[in-house]
Amino acid sequence: MTVRRIIIGISGATGFAYGIKALELLNPMDLETHLVISKAAKITGNYEHSKSQLAQLESLADVVYTVDNIGAAIASGSYKTIGMLVAPCSMRTLAAIAHGLSDNLLTRAADVVLKERRRLVLMTRETPLHLGHIKNMEMVTLMGGIIFPPVPALYQHIESIDDMITHSVARALDLFDIDVPSLPRWGEDLHLNQKSE
């Protein structure tokens, strides 16, 4: 694969900002981003962001697909990617992925990533969880996916919501071996301080 590609899926859970942040962090990197947004995510996005922010979102991605375009490139295993991040991932999308229900391009792309043994990271957003949610998380994990709820790292002395979102998304991107230079890492500054003493 000469071009490194990553798929970003945005589904209908609250937390549309996680998908936006993923695209913002990936934008300056040498990676081709492929974006697919579910119908429910567009509704959530309208609640959580202004129309101008939503219009700007698609300009951050290299390729944008409609969720009904089931014949798109990312629906095929022969189209190589490094994997897919679903940010945020609703419980409905989690359930569809867990049970192999490829009923739209987002869930089909996730299914392809799993069957090709590529990296799938789901930033699941729901609380509290019932047993069905937990079982679906177990099923995805057993298939090789990674469940990554965006839990804030309060030890980083986060000063804003944007800091919290940035840290969570950067840690999720770490799982693809994508290094976000601004990501503070526990112990690295401590290690440097100990060397200089």
N, C-alpha and C. Protein backbone atom coordinates (compact mmCIF):
# COMPACT_ATOMS: atom_id res chain seq x y z
N MET A 1 0.86 -1.18 0.00
CA MET A 1 0.00 0.00 0.00
C MET A 1 0.90 1.23 0.00
N THR A 2 0.89 1.98 -1.08
CA THR A 2 1.73 3.17 -1.16
C THR A 2 1.14 4.33 -0.38
N VAL A 3 -0.20 4.41 -0.35
CA VAL A 3 -0.88 5.46 0.40
C VAL A 3 -1.43 4.86 1.69
N ARG A 4 -1.12 5.47 2.82
CA ARG A 4 -1.69 5.01 4.09
C ARG A 4 -3.04 5.68 4.26
N ARG A 5 -4.07 4.86 4.46
CA ARG A 5 -5.45 5.36 4.57
C ARG A 5 -6.05 4.93 5.89
N ILE A 6 -6.87 5.81 6.45
CA ILE A 6 -7.63 5.47 7.65
C ILE A 6 -9.08 5.91 7.44
N ILE A 7 -10.00 5.10 7.92
CA ILE A 7 -11.43 5.42 7.83
C ILE A 7 -11.87 6.02 9.16
N ILE A 8 -12.59 7.13 9.08
CA ILE A 8 -13.20 7.74 10.26
C ILE A 8 -14.71 7.62 10.10
N GLY A 9 -15.34 6.94 11.05
CA GLY A 9 -16.78 6.85 11.07
C GLY A 9 -17.32 7.69 12.21
N ILE A 10 -18.40 8.40 11.96
CA ILE A 10 -19.08 9.16 13.01
C ILE A 10 -20.50 8.64 13.07
N SER A 11 -20.87 8.08 14.24
CA SER A 11 -22.24 7.56 14.38
C SER A 11 -23.02 8.45 15.34
N GLY A 12 -24.25 8.05 15.66
CA GLY A 12 -25.21 8.98 16.26
C GLY A 12 -25.14 9.24 17.74
N ALA A 13 -24.16 8.71 18.45
CA ALA A 13 -24.05 8.99 19.88
C ALA A 13 -23.65 10.44 20.11
N THR A 14 -23.92 10.94 21.29
CA THR A 14 -23.42 12.26 21.63
C THR A 14 -21.89 12.22 21.65
N GLY A 15 -21.27 13.31 21.24
CA GLY A 15 -19.81 13.32 21.16
C GLY A 15 -19.31 13.48 19.74
N PHE A 16 -20.10 14.16 18.91
CA PHE A 16 -19.71 14.43 17.52
C PHE A 16 -18.32 15.07 17.45
N ALA A 17 -17.97 15.81 18.50
CA ALA A 17 -16.68 16.51 18.55
C ALA A 17 -15.50 15.55 18.49
N TYR A 18 -15.68 14.29 18.90
CA TYR A 18 -14.58 13.33 18.82
C TYR A 18 -14.21 13.04 17.37
N GLY A 19 -15.21 12.92 16.51
CA GLY A 19 -14.94 12.70 15.10
C GLY A 19 -14.29 13.91 14.45
N ILE A 20 -14.77 15.09 14.80
CA ILE A 20 -14.17 16.32 14.28
C ILE A 20 -12.70 16.41 14.70
N LYS A 21 -12.44 16.14 15.97
CA LYS A 21 -11.06 16.23 16.48
C LYS A 21 -10.15 15.22 15.80
N ALA A 22 -10.66 14.01 15.54
CA ALA A 22 -9.84 13.01 14.84
C ALA A 22 -9.40 13.54 13.49
N LEU A 23 -10.32 14.13 12.75
CA LEU A 23 -9.97 14.67 11.43
C LEU A 23 -9.01 15.86 11.55
N GLU A 24 -9.21 16.69 12.56
CA GLU A 24 -8.30 17.84 12.76
C GLU A 24 -6.88 17.36 13.07
N LEU A 25 -6.75 16.34 13.91
CA LEU A 25 -5.42 15.84 14.27
C LEU A 25 -4.75 15.12 13.10
N LEU A 26 -5.55 14.45 12.28
CA LEU A 26 -5.00 13.70 11.15
C LEU A 26 -4.70 14.58 9.94
N ASN A 27 -5.35 15.74 9.88
CA ASN A 27 -5.27 16.60 8.69
C ASN A 27 -3.84 16.94 8.26
N PRO A 28 -2.94 17.32 9.18
CA PRO A 28 -1.58 17.68 8.73
C PRO A 28 -0.67 16.47 8.50
N MET A 29 -1.15 15.28 8.76
CA MET A 29 -0.31 14.08 8.66
C MET A 29 -0.34 13.49 7.26
N ASP A 30 0.62 12.62 7.01
CA ASP A 30 0.73 11.96 5.72
C ASP A 30 -0.16 10.71 5.70
N LEU A 31 -1.45 10.96 5.85
CA LEU A 31 -2.45 9.89 5.87
C LEU A 31 -3.65 10.36 5.07
N GLU A 32 -4.25 9.45 4.32
CA GLU A 32 -5.47 9.79 3.57
C GLU A 32 -6.67 9.41 4.43
N THR A 33 -7.54 10.39 4.69
CA THR A 33 -8.69 10.15 5.56
C THR A 33 -9.95 9.94 4.74
N HIS A 34 -10.71 8.90 5.12
CA HIS A 34 -11.96 8.54 4.46
C HIS A 34 -13.07 8.64 5.50
N LEU A 35 -14.04 9.50 5.24
CA LEU A 35 -15.07 9.82 6.24
C LEU A 35 -16.44 9.31 5.82
N VAL A 36 -17.14 8.70 6.78
CA VAL A 36 -18.53 8.32 6.59
C VAL A 36 -19.30 8.67 7.86
N ILE A 37 -20.42 9.36 7.68
CA ILE A 37 -21.23 9.85 8.80
C ILE A 37 -22.62 9.22 8.70
N SER A 38 -23.08 8.64 9.80
CA SER A 38 -24.41 8.02 9.79
C SER A 38 -25.50 9.09 9.77
N LYS A 39 -26.72 8.67 9.44
CA LYS A 39 -27.86 9.61 9.42
C LYS A 39 -28.13 10.15 10.81
N ALA A 40 -28.07 9.29 11.82
CA ALA A 40 -28.31 9.73 13.20
C ALA A 40 -27.22 10.70 13.65
N ALA A 41 -25.98 10.50 13.18
CA ALA A 41 -24.88 11.40 13.55
C ALA A 41 -25.12 12.81 13.01
N LYS A 42 -25.71 12.91 11.83
CA LYS A 42 -26.00 14.24 11.28
C LYS A 42 -27.02 14.97 12.15
N ILE A 43 -27.98 14.23 12.69
CA ILE A 43 -28.96 14.83 13.61
C ILE A 43 -28.27 15.29 14.89
N THR A 44 -27.44 14.41 15.46
CA THR A 44 -26.71 14.75 16.68
C THR A 44 -25.80 15.95 16.43
N GLY A 45 -25.12 15.95 15.30
CA GLY A 45 -24.22 17.05 14.95
C GLY A 45 -24.93 18.38 14.91
N ASN A 46 -26.16 18.39 14.42
CA ASN A 46 -26.94 19.63 14.37
C ASN A 46 -27.28 20.15 15.77
N TYR A 47 -27.41 19.25 16.74
CA TYR A 47 -27.66 19.66 18.12
C TYR A 47 -26.39 20.20 18.78
N GLU A 48 -25.26 19.57 18.46
CA GLU A 48 -24.03 19.86 19.21
C GLU A 48 -23.13 20.92 18.58
N HIS A 49 -23.35 21.22 17.28
CA HIS A 49 -22.44 22.14 16.59
C HIS A 49 -23.20 23.08 15.67
N SER A 50 -22.54 24.17 15.30
CA SER A 50 -23.15 25.12 14.38
C SER A 50 -23.09 24.57 12.95
N LYS A 51 -23.92 25.12 12.08
CA LYS A 51 -23.93 24.69 10.67
C LYS A 51 -22.57 24.93 10.00
N SER A 52 -21.90 26.01 10.37
CA SER A 52 -20.60 26.30 9.75
C SER A 52 -19.55 25.27 10.17
N GLN A 53 -19.60 24.81 11.43
CA GLN A 53 -18.68 23.77 11.89
C GLN A 53 -18.93 22.46 11.15
N LEU A 54 -20.21 22.15 10.93
CA LEU A 54 -20.54 20.91 10.23
C LEU A 54 -20.12 20.97 8.77
N ALA A 55 -20.28 22.13 8.15
CA ALA A 55 -19.87 22.30 6.76
C ALA A 55 -18.35 22.16 6.64
N GLN A 56 -17.63 22.67 7.63
CA GLN A 56 -16.17 22.61 7.63
C GLN A 56 -15.67 21.17 7.82
N LEU A 57 -16.45 20.36 8.52
CA LEU A 57 -16.05 18.99 8.83
C LEU A 57 -15.66 18.20 7.58
N GLU A 58 -16.52 18.23 6.58
CA GLU A 58 -16.25 17.42 5.39
C GLU A 58 -15.02 17.90 4.64
N SER A 59 -14.67 19.19 4.80
CA SER A 59 -13.48 19.70 4.12
C SER A 59 -12.19 19.18 4.78
N LEU A 60 -12.29 18.65 5.99
CA LEU A 60 -11.11 18.11 6.68
C LEU A 60 -10.73 16.73 6.16
N ALA A 61 -11.67 16.02 5.56
CA ALA A 61 -11.41 14.66 5.07
C ALA A 61 -10.98 14.68 3.61
N ASP A 62 -10.14 13.71 3.24
CA ASP A 62 -9.72 13.61 1.85
C ASP A 62 -10.83 13.04 0.96
N VAL A 63 -11.58 12.09 1.50
CA VAL A 63 -12.68 11.47 0.76
C VAL A 63 -13.88 11.38 1.70
N VAL A 64 -15.05 11.77 1.20
CA VAL A 64 -16.28 11.72 2.00
C VAL A 64 -17.30 10.85 1.26
N TYR A 65 -17.91 9.92 1.99
CA TYR A 65 -18.91 9.02 1.42
C TYR A 65 -20.27 9.27 2.07
N THR A 66 -21.33 9.03 1.32
CA THR A 66 -22.66 9.02 1.94
C THR A 66 -22.86 7.65 2.57
N VAL A 67 -23.59 7.61 3.65
CA VAL A 67 -23.75 6.38 4.41
C VAL A 67 -24.50 5.29 3.62
N ASP A 68 -25.25 5.69 2.60
CA ASP A 68 -25.99 4.72 1.78
C ASP A 68 -25.15 4.13 0.64
N ASN A 69 -23.95 4.64 0.44
CA ASN A 69 -23.11 4.21 -0.69
C ASN A 69 -22.41 2.89 -0.36
N ILE A 70 -23.18 1.83 -0.37
CA ILE A 70 -22.68 0.53 0.07
C ILE A 70 -21.66 -0.06 -0.91
N GLY A 71 -21.55 0.51 -2.11
CA GLY A 71 -20.57 0.04 -3.09
C GLY A 71 -19.30 0.86 -3.10
N ALA A 72 -19.08 1.70 -2.09
CA ALA A 72 -17.89 2.55 -2.03
C ALA A 72 -16.63 1.71 -1.83
N ALA A 73 -15.49 2.32 -2.10
CA ALA A 73 -14.21 1.62 -2.00
C ALA A 73 -13.99 0.99 -0.63
N ILE A 74 -14.35 1.71 0.44
CA ILE A 74 -14.09 1.20 1.80
C ILE A 74 -15.00 0.03 2.19
N ALA A 75 -15.93 -0.34 1.29
CA ALA A 75 -16.79 -1.50 1.52
C ALA A 75 -16.14 -2.78 1.01
N SER A 76 -14.93 -2.67 0.47
CA SER A 76 -14.23 -3.83 -0.08
C SER A 76 -12.94 -4.10 0.67
N GLY A 77 -12.69 -5.36 0.95
CA GLY A 77 -11.46 -5.75 1.62
C GLY A 77 -10.23 -5.55 0.77
N SER A 78 -10.38 -5.51 -0.55
CA SER A 78 -9.22 -5.31 -1.42
C SER A 78 -8.72 -3.87 -1.40
N TYR A 79 -9.55 -2.96 -0.85
CA TYR A 79 -9.14 -1.56 -0.72
C TYR A 79 -8.42 -1.42 0.61
N LYS A 80 -7.11 -1.27 0.56
CA LYS A 80 -6.30 -1.35 1.77
C LYS A 80 -6.38 -0.07 2.61
N THR A 81 -6.56 -0.28 3.91
CA THR A 81 -6.51 0.80 4.89
C THR A 81 -5.74 0.29 6.10
N ILE A 82 -5.36 1.21 6.99
CA ILE A 82 -4.74 0.76 8.25
C ILE A 82 -5.81 0.44 9.28
N GLY A 83 -7.06 0.76 8.96
CA GLY A 83 -8.15 0.46 9.86
C GLY A 83 -9.18 1.56 9.94
N MET A 84 -9.97 1.51 11.00
CA MET A 84 -11.11 2.42 11.14
C MET A 84 -11.30 2.83 12.59
N LEU A 85 -11.54 4.12 12.77
CA LEU A 85 -11.90 4.68 14.07
C LEU A 85 -13.35 5.15 13.98
N VAL A 86 -14.20 4.68 14.88
CA VAL A 86 -15.58 5.17 14.94
C VAL A 86 -15.67 6.06 16.18
N ALA A 87 -15.85 7.37 15.92
CA ALA A 87 -15.77 8.36 16.99
C ALA A 87 -16.83 9.43 16.81
N PRO A 88 -17.89 9.38 17.60
CA PRO A 88 -18.22 8.40 18.63
C PRO A 88 -18.90 7.18 18.02
N CYS A 89 -19.03 6.15 18.83
CA CYS A 89 -19.72 4.93 18.40
C CYS A 89 -20.96 4.75 19.26
N SER A 90 -22.12 4.80 18.63
CA SER A 90 -23.39 4.61 19.35
C SER A 90 -23.59 3.13 19.68
N MET A 91 -24.48 2.85 20.60
CA MET A 91 -24.80 1.47 20.95
C MET A 91 -25.47 0.75 19.78
N ARG A 92 -26.21 1.48 18.95
CA ARG A 92 -26.83 0.88 17.77
C ARG A 92 -25.76 0.44 16.77
N THR A 93 -24.75 1.30 16.56
CA THR A 93 -23.66 0.95 15.65
C THR A 93 -22.83 -0.19 16.21
N LEU A 94 -22.55 -0.13 17.51
CA LEU A 94 -21.84 -1.24 18.17
C LEU A 94 -22.58 -2.55 17.95
N ALA A 95 -23.90 -2.56 18.16
CA ALA A 95 -24.69 -3.78 18.01
C ALA A 95 -24.63 -4.31 16.58
N ALA A 96 -24.74 -3.40 15.61
CA ALA A 96 -24.69 -3.81 14.19
C ALA A 96 -23.33 -4.44 13.87
N ILE A 97 -22.25 -3.83 14.36
CA ILE A 97 -20.91 -4.36 14.10
C ILE A 97 -20.74 -5.71 14.80
N ALA A 98 -21.18 -5.80 16.05
CA ALA A 98 -21.03 -7.04 16.81
C ALA A 98 -21.74 -8.21 16.15
N HIS A 99 -22.86 -7.94 15.46
CA HIS A 99 -23.65 -9.01 14.86
C HIS A 99 -23.50 -9.09 13.34
N GLY A 100 -22.52 -8.36 12.79
CA GLY A 100 -22.24 -8.45 11.36
C GLY A 100 -23.34 -7.90 10.49
N LEU A 101 -24.10 -6.94 10.98
CA LEU A 101 -25.20 -6.35 10.20
C LEU A 101 -24.67 -5.16 9.39
N SER A 102 -24.25 -5.45 8.19
CA SER A 102 -23.68 -4.42 7.32
C SER A 102 -24.79 -3.70 6.57
N ASP A 103 -25.61 -2.95 7.30
CA ASP A 103 -26.80 -2.34 6.71
C ASP A 103 -26.57 -0.93 6.19
N ASN A 104 -25.36 -0.40 6.37
CA ASN A 104 -25.00 0.88 5.76
C ASN A 104 -23.49 0.89 5.57
N LEU A 105 -22.96 1.94 4.98
CA LEU A 105 -21.53 1.94 4.67
C LEU A 105 -20.67 1.97 5.92
N LEU A 106 -21.12 2.65 6.95
CA LEU A 106 -20.32 2.71 8.18
C LEU A 106 -20.14 1.32 8.78
N THR A 107 -21.24 0.61 8.94
CA THR A 107 -21.15 -0.72 9.55
C THR A 107 -20.49 -1.73 8.61
N ARG A 108 -20.68 -1.56 7.30
CA ARG A 108 -20.01 -2.44 6.33
C ARG A 108 -18.50 -2.22 6.36
N ALA A 109 -18.07 -0.95 6.41
CA ALA A 109 -16.64 -0.66 6.46
C ALA A 109 -16.01 -1.26 7.72
N ALA A 110 -16.72 -1.16 8.84
CA ALA A 110 -16.22 -1.75 10.09
C ALA A 110 -16.13 -3.27 9.97
N ASP A 111 -17.13 -3.89 9.34
CA ASP A 111 -17.13 -5.33 9.14
C ASP A 111 -15.94 -5.76 8.27
N VAL A 112 -15.66 -4.98 7.23
CA VAL A 112 -14.53 -5.27 6.34
C VAL A 112 -13.22 -5.18 7.12
N VAL A 113 -13.09 -4.15 7.93
CA VAL A 113 -11.87 -3.98 8.72
C VAL A 113 -11.65 -5.20 9.62
N LEU A 114 -12.71 -5.69 10.25
CA LEU A 114 -12.59 -6.87 11.11
C LEU A 114 -12.24 -8.12 10.31
N LYS A 115 -12.92 -8.32 9.18
CA LYS A 115 -12.66 -9.56 8.43
C LYS A 115 -11.27 -9.59 7.81
N GLU A 116 -10.71 -8.40 7.54
CA GLU A 116 -9.36 -8.31 6.98
C GLU A 116 -8.29 -8.26 8.06
N ARG A 117 -8.73 -8.37 9.33
CA ARG A 117 -7.82 -8.36 10.48
C ARG A 117 -7.04 -7.06 10.58
N ARG A 118 -7.73 -5.95 10.29
CA ARG A 118 -7.15 -4.63 10.47
C ARG A 118 -7.65 -4.05 11.79
N ARG A 119 -7.14 -2.90 12.17
CA ARG A 119 -7.46 -2.31 13.46
C ARG A 119 -8.81 -1.59 13.41
N LEU A 120 -9.71 -1.94 14.34
CA LEU A 120 -10.99 -1.26 14.51
C LEU A 120 -11.07 -0.75 15.94
N VAL A 121 -11.24 0.57 16.10
CA VAL A 121 -11.34 1.18 17.42
C VAL A 121 -12.68 1.89 17.51
N LEU A 122 -13.46 1.53 18.53
CA LEU A 122 -14.79 2.09 18.72
C LEU A 122 -14.81 2.94 19.98
N MET A 123 -15.00 4.25 19.81
CA MET A 123 -15.11 5.16 20.95
C MET A 123 -16.58 5.17 21.39
N THR A 124 -16.93 4.14 22.16
CA THR A 124 -18.33 3.93 22.56
C THR A 124 -18.77 4.98 23.57
N ARG A 125 -20.02 5.45 23.38
CA ARG A 125 -20.57 6.52 24.22
C ARG A 125 -21.95 6.12 24.72
N GLU A 126 -22.00 5.69 25.97
CA GLU A 126 -23.28 5.40 26.63
C GLU A 126 -23.01 5.17 28.10
N THR A 127 -23.95 5.53 28.93
CA THR A 127 -23.85 5.25 30.35
C THR A 127 -25.22 5.44 30.99
N PRO A 128 -25.61 4.57 31.91
CA PRO A 128 -24.96 3.31 32.26
C PRO A 128 -25.16 2.28 31.16
N LEU A 129 -24.45 1.17 31.30
CA LEU A 129 -24.53 0.09 30.30
C LEU A 129 -25.41 -1.03 30.82
N HIS A 130 -26.22 -1.62 29.93
CA HIS A 130 -26.93 -2.84 30.31
C HIS A 130 -26.19 -4.04 29.73
N LEU A 131 -26.63 -5.22 30.07
CA LEU A 131 -25.89 -6.43 29.70
C LEU A 131 -25.76 -6.59 28.19
N GLY A 132 -26.78 -6.17 27.43
CA GLY A 132 -26.70 -6.26 25.97
C GLY A 132 -25.54 -5.44 25.42
N HIS A 133 -25.33 -4.23 25.96
CA HIS A 133 -24.19 -3.40 25.54
C HIS A 133 -22.87 -4.11 25.83
N ILE A 134 -22.78 -4.65 27.05
CA ILE A 134 -21.54 -5.30 27.47
C ILE A 134 -21.26 -6.54 26.63
N LYS A 135 -22.29 -7.32 26.34
CA LYS A 135 -22.12 -8.52 25.50
C LYS A 135 -21.67 -8.12 24.09
N ASN A 136 -22.24 -7.03 23.55
CA ASN A 136 -21.82 -6.57 22.23
C ASN A 136 -20.37 -6.11 22.23
N MET A 137 -19.95 -5.46 23.31
CA MET A 137 -18.54 -5.07 23.45
C MET A 137 -17.65 -6.31 23.51
N GLU A 138 -18.11 -7.33 24.23
CA GLU A 138 -17.35 -8.58 24.31
C GLU A 138 -17.22 -9.22 22.92
N MET A 139 -18.32 -9.25 22.17
CA MET A 139 -18.28 -9.86 20.83
C MET A 139 -17.30 -9.15 19.91
N VAL A 140 -17.34 -7.81 19.92
CA VAL A 140 -16.41 -7.05 19.07
C VAL A 140 -14.97 -7.30 19.51
N THR A 141 -14.75 -7.35 20.82
CA THR A 141 -13.40 -7.60 21.33
C THR A 141 -12.90 -8.98 20.91
N LEU A 142 -13.76 -9.98 20.98
CA LEU A 142 -13.38 -11.33 20.57
C LEU A 142 -13.07 -11.40 19.07
N MET A 143 -13.67 -10.50 18.28
CA MET A 143 -13.39 -10.45 16.84
C MET A 143 -12.14 -9.64 16.51
N GLY A 144 -11.54 -9.03 17.53
CA GLY A 144 -10.30 -8.29 17.30
C GLY A 144 -10.44 -6.78 17.37
N GLY A 145 -11.66 -6.29 17.58
CA GLY A 145 -11.86 -4.86 17.72
C GLY A 145 -11.44 -4.36 19.09
N ILE A 146 -11.30 -3.06 19.21
CA ILE A 146 -10.92 -2.45 20.48
C ILE A 146 -12.02 -1.49 20.92
N ILE A 147 -12.52 -1.69 22.12
CA ILE A 147 -13.52 -0.79 22.71
C ILE A 147 -12.76 0.29 23.47
N PHE A 148 -12.98 1.54 23.10
CA PHE A 148 -12.22 2.64 23.67
C PHE A 148 -13.16 3.76 24.11
N PRO A 149 -13.82 3.62 25.27
CA PRO A 149 -14.65 4.72 25.74
C PRO A 149 -13.77 5.94 26.01
N PRO A 150 -14.19 7.12 25.60
CA PRO A 150 -13.36 8.32 25.81
C PRO A 150 -13.42 8.78 27.27
N VAL A 151 -12.57 8.18 28.07
CA VAL A 151 -12.52 8.49 29.51
C VAL A 151 -11.45 9.56 29.73
N PRO A 152 -11.80 10.68 30.36
CA PRO A 152 -10.81 11.75 30.51
C PRO A 152 -9.67 11.36 31.44
N ALA A 153 -8.45 11.72 31.06
CA ALA A 153 -7.27 11.49 31.88
C ALA A 153 -7.06 12.72 32.75
N LEU A 154 -7.69 12.74 33.90
CA LEU A 154 -7.68 13.94 34.74
C LEU A 154 -6.30 14.26 35.30
N TYR A 155 -5.42 13.27 35.36
CA TYR A 155 -4.06 13.52 35.85
C TYR A 155 -3.27 14.44 34.91
N GLN A 156 -3.78 14.66 33.70
CA GLN A 156 -3.09 15.54 32.76
C GLN A 156 -3.40 17.01 33.02
N HIS A 157 -4.12 17.30 34.10
CA HIS A 157 -4.49 18.69 34.46
C HIS A 157 -5.18 19.38 33.29
N ILE A 158 -6.20 18.72 32.78
CA ILE A 158 -6.96 19.22 31.63
C ILE A 158 -7.65 20.52 32.01
N GLU A 159 -7.48 21.52 31.16
CA GLU A 159 -8.00 22.86 31.45
C GLU A 159 -9.26 23.21 30.67
N SER A 160 -9.60 22.42 29.65
CA SER A 160 -10.77 22.73 28.84
C SER A 160 -11.37 21.45 28.29
N ILE A 161 -12.60 21.56 27.80
CA ILE A 161 -13.25 20.40 27.16
C ILE A 161 -12.45 19.99 25.92
N ASP A 162 -11.93 20.98 25.19
CA ASP A 162 -11.14 20.65 24.00
C ASP A 162 -9.89 19.85 24.37
N ASP A 163 -9.23 20.20 25.48
CA ASP A 163 -8.07 19.42 25.94
C ASP A 163 -8.47 17.97 26.21
N MET A 164 -9.62 17.79 26.84
CA MET A 164 -10.10 16.45 27.19
C MET A 164 -10.38 15.64 25.92
N ILE A 165 -11.06 16.26 24.96
CA ILE A 165 -11.39 15.58 23.70
C ILE A 165 -10.11 15.26 22.93
N THR A 166 -9.20 16.23 22.87
CA THR A 166 -7.94 16.02 22.14
C THR A 166 -7.16 14.86 22.73
N HIS A 167 -7.07 14.80 24.05
CA HIS A 167 -6.30 13.73 24.69
C HIS A 167 -6.93 12.37 24.40
N SER A 168 -8.25 12.27 24.52
CA SER A 168 -8.92 10.99 24.26
C SER A 168 -8.72 10.53 22.82
N VAL A 169 -8.89 11.44 21.87
CA VAL A 169 -8.76 11.07 20.46
C VAL A 169 -7.30 10.72 20.12
N ALA A 170 -6.37 11.49 20.66
CA ALA A 170 -4.95 11.20 20.40
C ALA A 170 -4.57 9.82 20.94
N ARG A 171 -5.11 9.45 22.10
CA ARG A 171 -4.84 8.11 22.65
C ARG A 171 -5.47 7.02 21.77
N ALA A 172 -6.65 7.30 21.23
CA ALA A 172 -7.27 6.34 20.31
C ALA A 172 -6.43 6.17 19.05
N LEU A 173 -5.90 7.28 18.53
CA LEU A 173 -5.05 7.21 17.33
C LEU A 173 -3.74 6.49 17.61
N ASP A 174 -3.28 6.54 18.85
CA ASP A 174 -2.09 5.77 19.27
C ASP A 174 -2.25 4.30 18.92
N LEU A 175 -3.47 3.81 19.00
CA LEU A 175 -3.72 2.39 18.75
C LEU A 175 -3.50 2.00 17.29
N PHE A 176 -3.37 2.99 16.41
CA PHE A 176 -3.05 2.76 15.00
C PHE A 176 -1.56 3.05 14.73
N ASP A 177 -0.79 3.25 15.79
CA ASP A 177 0.61 3.69 15.66
C ASP A 177 0.72 5.03 14.96
N ILE A 178 -0.26 5.89 15.19
CA ILE A 178 -0.23 7.26 14.69
C ILE A 178 0.21 8.14 15.86
N ASP A 179 1.33 8.79 15.70
CA ASP A 179 1.89 9.59 16.78
C ASP A 179 1.41 11.03 16.67
N VAL A 180 0.65 11.48 17.64
CA VAL A 180 0.21 12.87 17.71
C VAL A 180 1.24 13.60 18.59
N PRO A 181 2.05 14.48 17.98
CA PRO A 181 3.16 15.09 18.72
C PRO A 181 2.75 15.83 19.98
N SER A 182 1.58 16.42 19.99
CA SER A 182 1.17 17.23 21.15
C SER A 182 0.63 16.39 22.31
N LEU A 183 0.55 15.07 22.13
CA LEU A 183 -0.02 14.21 23.17
C LEU A 183 0.95 14.09 24.35
N PRO A 184 0.55 14.60 25.53
CA PRO A 184 1.42 14.42 26.70
C PRO A 184 1.40 12.96 27.14
N ARG A 185 2.55 12.43 27.48
CA ARG A 185 2.65 11.02 27.86
C ARG A 185 3.17 10.91 29.29
N TRP A 186 2.48 10.11 30.07
CA TRP A 186 2.82 9.96 31.47
C TRP A 186 4.24 9.42 31.62
N GLY A 187 5.04 10.08 32.45
CA GLY A 187 6.37 9.59 32.77
C GLY A 187 7.47 10.10 31.89
N GLU A 188 7.16 10.61 30.69
CA GLU A 188 8.23 11.06 29.80
C GLU A 188 8.92 12.30 30.35
N ASP A 189 8.14 13.26 30.84
CA ASP A 189 8.78 14.45 31.42
C ASP A 189 9.48 14.09 32.73
N LEU A 190 8.91 13.15 33.49
CA LEU A 190 9.53 12.68 34.73
C LEU A 190 10.88 12.05 34.44
N HIS A 191 10.93 11.23 33.39
CA HIS A 191 12.16 10.54 32.99
C HIS A 191 13.24 11.56 32.61
N LEU A 192 12.86 12.59 31.86
CA LEU A 192 13.82 13.63 31.46
C LEU A 192 14.32 14.40 32.68
N ASN A 193 13.44 14.69 33.63
CA ASN A 193 13.83 15.42 34.82
C ASN A 193 14.81 14.60 35.67
N GLN A 194 14.60 13.29 35.75
CA GLN A 194 15.47 12.43 36.53
C GLN A 194 16.88 12.37 35.91
N LYS A 195 16.96 12.37 34.57
CA LYS A 195 18.24 12.32 33.89
C LYS A 195 19.06 13.58 34.14
N SER A 196 18.36 14.73 34.21
CA SER A 196 19.07 15.99 34.35
C SER A 196 19.53 16.26 35.78
N GLU A 197 19.04 15.47 36.74
CA GLU A 197 19.42 15.71 38.15
C GLU A 197 20.77 15.10 38.45
